[in-house]
Protein backbone atom coordinates (compact mmCIF):
# COMPACT_ATOMS: atom_id res chain seq x y z
CA MET A 1 0.07 -0.03 0.05
CA LYS A 2 1.44 3.29 -0.96
CA SER A 3 1.13 6.10 1.16
CA ILE A 4 0.24 9.76 0.19
CA PRO A 5 3.14 12.39 0.78
CA VAL A 6 2.45 15.16 3.14
CA THR A 7 3.83 18.37 2.33
CA ALA A 8 4.15 21.53 4.82
CA ALA A 9 2.16 23.63 2.16
CA GLY A 10 -0.50 20.89 2.34
CA VAL A 11 -0.76 20.93 6.12
CA ARG A 12 -0.83 24.97 6.04
CA ILE A 13 -3.71 24.89 3.65
CA ALA A 14 -5.68 22.25 5.64
CA ALA A 15 -5.08 24.24 8.90
CA ALA A 16 -6.17 27.41 7.16
CA VAL A 17 -9.50 25.84 5.79
CA PHE A 18 -10.01 24.50 9.37
CA VAL A 19 -9.64 27.78 11.08
CA LEU A 20 -11.63 29.59 8.32
CA PHE A 21 -14.50 26.95 8.74
CA PHE A 22 -14.87 27.47 12.47
CA ALA A 23 -14.66 31.35 12.26
CA VAL A 24 -17.48 31.42 9.85
CA ALA A 25 -19.44 28.85 11.65
CA GLY A 26 -18.88 30.84 14.94
CA CYS A 27 -20.42 34.18 13.54
CA SER A 28 -23.81 35.27 14.64
CA LEU A 29 -26.36 35.51 12.26
CA PRO A 30 -29.59 37.70 12.40
CA PRO A 31 -32.82 35.85 13.53
CA GLU A 32 -35.34 34.40 10.85
CA ARG A 33 -37.99 36.74 12.03
CA PRO A 34 -37.50 40.20 13.84
CA VAL A 35 -37.64 40.41 17.57
CA THR A 36 -40.44 42.43 18.90
CA LYS A 37 -40.32 44.67 22.02
CA ASP A 38 -42.95 42.35 23.64
CA GLU A 39 -40.58 39.49 23.25
CA LEU A 40 -37.83 41.45 24.77
CA TYR A 41 -40.02 42.37 27.74
CA GLY A 42 -41.56 39.02 28.13
CA THR A 43 -37.94 37.86 29.18
CA GLY A 44 -38.20 39.92 32.27
CA VAL A 45 -34.51 41.49 31.96
CA TYR A 46 -35.83 44.99 32.25
CA SER A 47 -37.81 44.03 35.29
CA PHE A 48 -35.17 42.33 37.30
CA TYR A 49 -32.00 43.98 36.15
CA GLN A 50 -30.60 47.44 35.92
CA ILE A 51 -29.67 47.85 32.10
CA LYS A 52 -28.12 51.21 30.75
CA GLU A 53 -28.85 50.34 27.10
CA SER A 54 -32.31 51.29 25.85
CA PRO A 55 -34.87 48.35 24.74
CA GLU A 56 -34.77 50.04 21.17
CA SER A 57 -30.87 49.71 20.89
CA VAL A 58 -31.02 46.07 22.22
CA LEU A 59 -33.71 45.06 19.75
CA ALA A 60 -31.61 46.77 16.91
CA ALA A 61 -28.64 44.80 17.76
CA LEU A 62 -30.69 41.51 18.31
CA ASN A 63 -32.20 41.92 14.87
CA ARG A 64 -28.90 42.74 13.27
CA GLU A 65 -26.63 40.24 14.87
CA GLY A 66 -28.66 37.78 16.50
CA GLU A 67 -27.22 38.20 19.82
CA VAL A 68 -26.46 40.99 22.43
CA ILE A 69 -24.16 41.07 25.52
CA LEU A 70 -25.32 43.64 28.07
CA ASP A 71 -23.67 45.18 31.13
CA ALA A 72 -26.22 44.97 33.92
CA ARG A 73 -26.70 45.11 37.66
CA TYR A 74 -28.86 42.56 39.76
CA ARG A 75 -29.25 44.24 43.16
CA ASP A 76 -25.71 45.52 43.68
CA ARG A 77 -24.05 42.77 41.82
CA PRO A 78 -22.57 43.47 38.40
CA VAL A 79 -23.57 40.71 35.53
CA TYR A 80 -23.15 40.38 32.03
CA ILE A 81 -26.67 39.28 30.23
CA LYS A 82 -26.32 37.42 26.86
CA ILE A 83 -29.45 37.39 24.96
CA LEU A 84 -29.84 35.21 21.89
CA ALA A 85 -32.53 35.40 19.24
CA LEU A 86 -33.15 31.94 18.20
CA SER A 87 -36.03 30.45 16.05
CA SER A 88 -37.82 29.05 19.31
CA GLY A 89 -37.56 32.47 21.03
CA LEU A 90 -35.27 34.57 22.97
CA GLN A 91 -32.76 32.62 25.19
CA VAL A 92 -31.20 34.69 28.19
CA HIS A 93 -27.97 33.76 29.93
CA VAL A 94 -26.83 35.69 33.10
CA ILE A 95 -23.09 35.63 33.96
CA ASP A 96 -21.44 37.03 37.01
CA ARG A 97 -18.69 39.52 36.32
């Protein structure tokens, strides 16, 4: 059985394709349908957390990028809030800073 020769250029090309694939796969995409203000308020983030960004700017970012990360406060504790616009609805993750 004859083996296929591996060259340094071939390894570099394969690595570049691998990195490019994961860079493109990791990019956010806009949602299939625009997120509404009622959906955003339905998550309760503006009721439970102190958020500096306006709901309109959060909606614009969600509809453009498909996700948004907000600086917020819960009681006196700083947190990050990550909101993802999925086809099944909004998904909210709260992360301590």
